[in-house]
Amino acid sequence: MKTFKKHLLLLALLAITVSVFSQENKTNQNLLYKTGNPTEWPLELDAVIAAPKNHKILLENDKVRVLEVTMAPGEKEALHHHRWPSVLYIQEADDFVDYDDDGNVIFDSRQIPEPLPMPYTMYKDPEAPHSVVNLSETKPIRLIRVEMKEAHANQNIAIIDGLYKAFAVGDIPTVLGAMEANIVWNEAESNSLADGNPYVGPDAVLNGVFARLGAEHEYFKLEDIKLHGMDNNRVLATLRYNAKVKETGKTYNAQVAHLWTLKEGKVSAFQQFLDTKKVAEAMEK
């Protein structure tokens, strides 16, 4: 029975839909934890930015961010989110309530069958905007949170992978929709399309790059695409262009690399590296 109760507790704290057993009336109460897409959460609500009093950075690099989290007795945190998965080492805590950004109760420690054993270590998925209230009048909440950025890098790769898949089927609106409004796009030097560098904004990319590629080529395929996670929200793609030029009838198979930079789930910059000699020879009459 104890094992079952611990499983229930873990599910509740892992921020998914849970069933909480009331000790008073023995009835079930479903609590829906509001999650969503971390790439859509406002940057200004990041825990360190929105609630700096409660979140102190102990260490940060490209792989992790380690936070010391403290709350005084009776204190309420400012609304904030955690966009990366985390491991929590809870050192001290009494009763508390967690609210989402609409003021709905996400979790109330008073509703769990047994008190949380201290210290307690657990894993949590990304947490949407929320705010915790320390209900204790005497005991602070103290914990160490290790946020794992590697999962965020994988998310960036998934975004770029989806972009290439959309391009392959001619879904240009989806490709453009993945770009920031002020994206900075650069074609490789010596590429004929580099005459408009830098292209700023999706419309400039559409008219200056995509439309011209379509007009100049009988077919233009991206092949052998391999994606590599990089530091600082960047993704490197290595691939080949397999294409046929309309005007000359010549084909080319050129080695190419794309360096994508993302910001909050959107592409903010693009840099192309290309074997421009092969392309120029195919274009030449």
Foldseek 3Di string as FASTA:
>chain_A
DVVVLVVQVQVLVQQAWGWFQAPPPRDTDTAHRDADALLPADPCQACCNQFVVFWDFPDDDQWKTKTKGKFAAQDKTGWHWFSFKKKKFWADAFWKWKAAPVRHTSDTQVRRPDHDDHRDIHIYGTHHTMMMTRNGRHIMTIMMMMGTCVVVLVVLVVLVVVLLVCVQVPVVVSNLVQADQFAWEAEAPPAPLRPPHGQTGSVSCVVSPVVVVVVFWPDWHWAPWDWDGDGQQKIKIWTWIWTATDVQRDTFIWTKMKIFHDDSRGTRYIYIDIPRVRVVVRVDD
